[in-house]
Amino acid sequence: MDIFGDIFGGITQKLIELVARIINLLPDSPFHTVNNADVNSFLGGLNWVLPIAQMISILEAWLIVVAVYYTYQLILRWARMIK
């Protein structure tokens, strides 16, 4: 006689079915028709001139440091230690 549990379970099941139907409408992969053979040779040369992987690593480290700084500053302001 748990009527609310039955109602909640029914609503949850219908929501899961709806999400599954929406996901089934999507294609398996949007990149099946993309031919990037010409781009690969260009990117190899570009990566030799501009080291993209290292630039991304440095940018990630910089963003982490800035985020830590602003978080620390927010905590100190919240604790009223700085203005």
N, C-alpha and C. Protein backbone atom coordinates (compact mmCIF):
# COMPACT_ATOMS: atom_id res chain seq x y z
N MET A 1 0.82 -1.20 0.00
CA MET A 1 0.00 0.00 0.00
C MET A 1 0.86 1.26 0.00
N ASP A 2 2.02 1.17 -0.54
CA ASP A 2 2.89 2.34 -0.64
C ASP A 2 2.57 3.06 -1.95
N ILE A 3 1.52 3.85 -1.93
CA ILE A 3 1.01 4.49 -3.15
C ILE A 3 2.00 5.51 -3.70
N PHE A 4 2.68 6.26 -2.81
CA PHE A 4 3.63 7.26 -3.28
C PHE A 4 4.86 6.61 -3.91
N GLY A 5 5.29 5.50 -3.34
CA GLY A 5 6.41 4.76 -3.92
C GLY A 5 6.07 4.21 -5.28
N ASP A 6 4.83 3.71 -5.44
CA ASP A 6 4.39 3.20 -6.73
C ASP A 6 4.31 4.31 -7.78
N ILE A 7 3.78 5.47 -7.37
CA ILE A 7 3.68 6.60 -8.29
C ILE A 7 5.06 7.08 -8.69
N PHE A 8 5.95 7.24 -7.71
CA PHE A 8 7.31 7.69 -7.98
C PHE A 8 8.05 6.69 -8.87
N GLY A 9 7.88 5.41 -8.60
CA GLY A 9 8.51 4.37 -9.41
C GLY A 9 8.00 4.37 -10.84
N GLY A 10 6.70 4.59 -11.00
CA GLY A 10 6.12 4.66 -12.34
C GLY A 10 6.62 5.86 -13.13
N ILE A 11 6.66 7.01 -12.47
CA ILE A 11 7.17 8.22 -13.12
C ILE A 11 8.63 8.04 -13.49
N THR A 12 9.42 7.46 -12.59
CA THR A 12 10.83 7.24 -12.86
C THR A 12 11.01 6.28 -14.04
N GLN A 13 10.23 5.23 -14.09
CA GLN A 13 10.33 4.26 -15.19
C GLN A 13 9.97 4.91 -16.51
N LYS A 14 8.93 5.74 -16.55
CA LYS A 14 8.54 6.42 -17.79
C LYS A 14 9.62 7.41 -18.22
N LEU A 15 10.23 8.09 -17.27
CA LEU A 15 11.32 9.01 -17.59
C LEU A 15 12.50 8.26 -18.18
N ILE A 16 12.85 7.13 -17.62
CA ILE A 16 13.95 6.32 -18.13
C ILE A 16 13.64 5.84 -19.55
N GLU A 17 12.41 5.42 -19.80
CA GLU A 17 12.02 4.99 -21.14
C GLU A 17 12.10 6.14 -22.14
N LEU A 18 11.67 7.33 -21.73
CA LEU A 18 11.73 8.50 -22.59
C LEU A 18 13.17 8.86 -22.95
N VAL A 19 14.05 8.85 -21.97
CA VAL A 19 15.46 9.16 -22.22
C VAL A 19 16.07 8.11 -23.13
N ALA A 20 15.73 6.84 -22.94
CA ALA A 20 16.24 5.77 -23.80
C ALA A 20 15.77 5.96 -25.24
N ARG A 21 14.53 6.35 -25.44
CA ARG A 21 14.03 6.59 -26.79
C ARG A 21 14.74 7.76 -27.45
N ILE A 22 14.97 8.82 -26.68
CA ILE A 22 15.68 9.98 -27.22
C ILE A 22 17.10 9.60 -27.61
N ILE A 23 17.77 8.83 -26.77
CA ILE A 23 19.14 8.41 -27.08
C ILE A 23 19.17 7.49 -28.29
N ASN A 24 18.16 6.65 -28.46
CA ASN A 24 18.10 5.76 -29.62
C ASN A 24 17.89 6.53 -30.92
N LEU A 25 17.36 7.75 -30.86
CA LEU A 25 17.20 8.56 -32.06
C LEU A 25 18.52 9.10 -32.57
N LEU A 26 19.50 9.24 -31.69
CA LEU A 26 20.79 9.79 -32.07
C LEU A 26 21.58 8.79 -32.90
N PRO A 27 22.42 9.28 -33.83
CA PRO A 27 23.24 8.34 -34.61
C PRO A 27 24.33 7.72 -33.74
N ASP A 28 24.88 6.59 -34.23
CA ASP A 28 25.93 5.91 -33.47
C ASP A 28 27.15 6.81 -33.28
N SER A 29 27.60 7.43 -34.35
CA SER A 29 28.74 8.32 -34.28
C SER A 29 28.59 9.40 -35.35
N PRO A 30 28.73 10.66 -34.99
CA PRO A 30 28.60 11.72 -35.99
C PRO A 30 29.84 11.84 -36.88
N PHE A 31 30.89 11.08 -36.61
CA PHE A 31 32.15 11.23 -37.33
C PHE A 31 32.40 10.12 -38.34
N HIS A 32 31.39 9.31 -38.66
CA HIS A 32 31.58 8.24 -39.64
C HIS A 32 31.90 8.78 -41.03
N THR A 33 31.30 9.87 -41.41
CA THR A 33 31.48 10.39 -42.77
C THR A 33 32.61 11.39 -42.89
N VAL A 34 33.28 11.73 -41.80
CA VAL A 34 34.35 12.71 -41.84
C VAL A 34 35.62 12.03 -42.32
N ASN A 35 36.22 12.57 -43.37
CA ASN A 35 37.48 12.07 -43.89
C ASN A 35 38.55 13.10 -43.56
N ASN A 36 39.43 12.78 -42.64
CA ASN A 36 40.42 13.75 -42.20
C ASN A 36 41.84 13.34 -42.57
N ALA A 37 42.00 12.59 -43.66
CA ALA A 37 43.32 12.15 -44.09
C ALA A 37 44.19 13.35 -44.50
N ASP A 38 43.59 14.34 -45.16
CA ASP A 38 44.35 15.52 -45.57
C ASP A 38 44.76 16.37 -44.38
N VAL A 39 43.93 16.40 -43.38
CA VAL A 39 44.20 17.22 -42.20
C VAL A 39 45.33 16.62 -41.36
N ASN A 40 45.43 15.29 -41.31
CA ASN A 40 46.46 14.65 -40.48
C ASN A 40 47.86 15.04 -40.90
N SER A 41 48.13 15.10 -42.19
CA SER A 41 49.47 15.48 -42.64
C SER A 41 49.75 16.94 -42.30
N PHE A 42 48.75 17.79 -42.43
CA PHE A 42 48.93 19.20 -42.09
C PHE A 42 49.16 19.39 -40.60
N LEU A 43 48.40 18.67 -39.76
CA LEU A 43 48.55 18.81 -38.32
C LEU A 43 49.90 18.31 -37.83
N GLY A 44 50.46 17.29 -38.50
CA GLY A 44 51.79 16.82 -38.13
C GLY A 44 52.83 17.90 -38.33
N GLY A 45 52.76 18.59 -39.45
CA GLY A 45 53.69 19.70 -39.71
C GLY A 45 53.45 20.87 -38.78
N LEU A 46 52.21 21.18 -38.53
CA LEU A 46 51.89 22.29 -37.62
C LEU A 46 52.35 21.99 -36.20
N ASN A 47 52.20 20.74 -35.77
CA ASN A 47 52.63 20.36 -34.43
C ASN A 47 54.15 20.41 -34.30
N TRP A 48 54.87 20.25 -35.40
CA TRP A 48 56.33 20.37 -35.36
C TRP A 48 56.73 21.82 -35.12
N VAL A 49 55.98 22.77 -35.71
CA VAL A 49 56.28 24.19 -35.57
C VAL A 49 55.73 24.73 -34.25
N LEU A 50 54.49 24.41 -33.95
CA LEU A 50 53.83 24.85 -32.72
C LEU A 50 53.51 23.62 -31.89
N PRO A 51 54.21 23.39 -30.80
CA PRO A 51 53.95 22.19 -29.98
C PRO A 51 52.62 22.32 -29.21
N ILE A 52 51.56 21.90 -29.86
CA ILE A 52 50.21 22.08 -29.33
C ILE A 52 50.03 21.33 -28.00
N ALA A 53 50.54 20.10 -27.91
CA ALA A 53 50.36 19.31 -26.68
C ALA A 53 51.00 20.01 -25.48
N GLN A 54 52.20 20.55 -25.68
CA GLN A 54 52.86 21.25 -24.58
C GLN A 54 52.14 22.55 -24.24
N MET A 55 51.62 23.22 -25.25
CA MET A 55 50.88 24.46 -25.00
C MET A 55 49.62 24.18 -24.19
N ILE A 56 48.94 23.09 -24.50
CA ILE A 56 47.74 22.72 -23.75
C ILE A 56 48.10 22.36 -22.32
N SER A 57 49.20 21.64 -22.12
CA SER A 57 49.63 21.28 -20.76
C SER A 57 49.95 22.52 -19.93
N ILE A 58 50.65 23.47 -20.53
CA ILE A 58 50.98 24.71 -19.81
C ILE A 58 49.71 25.50 -19.51
N LEU A 59 48.79 25.57 -20.45
CA LEU A 59 47.53 26.28 -20.23
C LEU A 59 46.72 25.63 -19.11
N GLU A 60 46.69 24.29 -19.07
CA GLU A 60 45.98 23.60 -18.00
C GLU A 60 46.58 23.92 -16.64
N ALA A 61 47.91 23.88 -16.56
CA ALA A 61 48.58 24.17 -15.29
C ALA A 61 48.29 25.61 -14.86
N TRP A 62 48.34 26.55 -15.81
CA TRP A 62 48.08 27.94 -15.50
C TRP A 62 46.65 28.13 -15.00
N LEU A 63 45.69 27.48 -15.66
CA LEU A 63 44.30 27.61 -15.23
C LEU A 63 44.07 27.02 -13.84
N ILE A 64 44.75 25.92 -13.53
CA ILE A 64 44.62 25.33 -12.20
C ILE A 64 45.18 26.27 -11.14
N VAL A 65 46.34 26.87 -11.42
CA VAL A 65 46.94 27.80 -10.46
C VAL A 65 46.06 29.01 -10.24
N VAL A 66 45.49 29.56 -11.32
CA VAL A 66 44.60 30.72 -11.18
C VAL A 66 43.35 30.34 -10.40
N ALA A 67 42.78 29.17 -10.67
CA ALA A 67 41.60 28.73 -9.94
C ALA A 67 41.90 28.54 -8.46
N VAL A 68 43.06 27.99 -8.13
CA VAL A 68 43.44 27.82 -6.72
C VAL A 68 43.61 29.19 -6.06
N TYR A 69 44.23 30.13 -6.77
CA TYR A 69 44.41 31.48 -6.22
C TYR A 69 43.07 32.14 -5.91
N TYR A 70 42.14 32.11 -6.87
CA TYR A 70 40.85 32.75 -6.64
C TYR A 70 40.04 32.03 -5.57
N THR A 71 40.16 30.72 -5.49
CA THR A 71 39.47 29.98 -4.44
C THR A 71 40.02 30.36 -3.08
N TYR A 72 41.33 30.43 -2.96
CA TYR A 72 41.99 30.82 -1.71
C TYR A 72 41.57 32.25 -1.33
N GLN A 73 41.56 33.14 -2.32
CA GLN A 73 41.16 34.52 -2.07
C GLN A 73 39.70 34.59 -1.62
N LEU A 74 38.84 33.80 -2.20
CA LEU A 74 37.42 33.77 -1.82
C LEU A 74 37.25 33.26 -0.39
N ILE A 75 38.01 32.23 -0.04
CA ILE A 75 37.93 31.69 1.33
C ILE A 75 38.41 32.73 2.33
N LEU A 76 39.49 33.43 2.02
CA LEU A 76 39.98 34.46 2.94
C LEU A 76 38.99 35.61 3.07
N ARG A 77 38.37 36.00 1.97
CA ARG A 77 37.36 37.06 2.05
C ARG A 77 36.15 36.60 2.86
N TRP A 78 35.79 35.35 2.68
CA TRP A 78 34.66 34.81 3.41
C TRP A 78 34.98 34.77 4.89
N ALA A 79 36.22 34.50 5.24
CA ALA A 79 36.63 34.48 6.64
C ALA A 79 36.96 35.88 7.16
N ARG A 80 36.80 36.88 6.31
CA ARG A 80 37.05 38.28 6.67
C ARG A 80 38.50 38.54 7.07
N MET A 81 39.42 37.85 6.42
CA MET A 81 40.83 38.07 6.72
C MET A 81 41.43 39.12 5.79
N ILE A 82 40.83 39.29 4.58
CA ILE A 82 41.27 40.33 3.67
C ILE A 82 40.04 41.06 3.14
N LYS A 83 40.27 42.23 2.57
CA LYS A 83 39.16 43.01 2.01
C LYS A 83 39.04 42.79 0.54
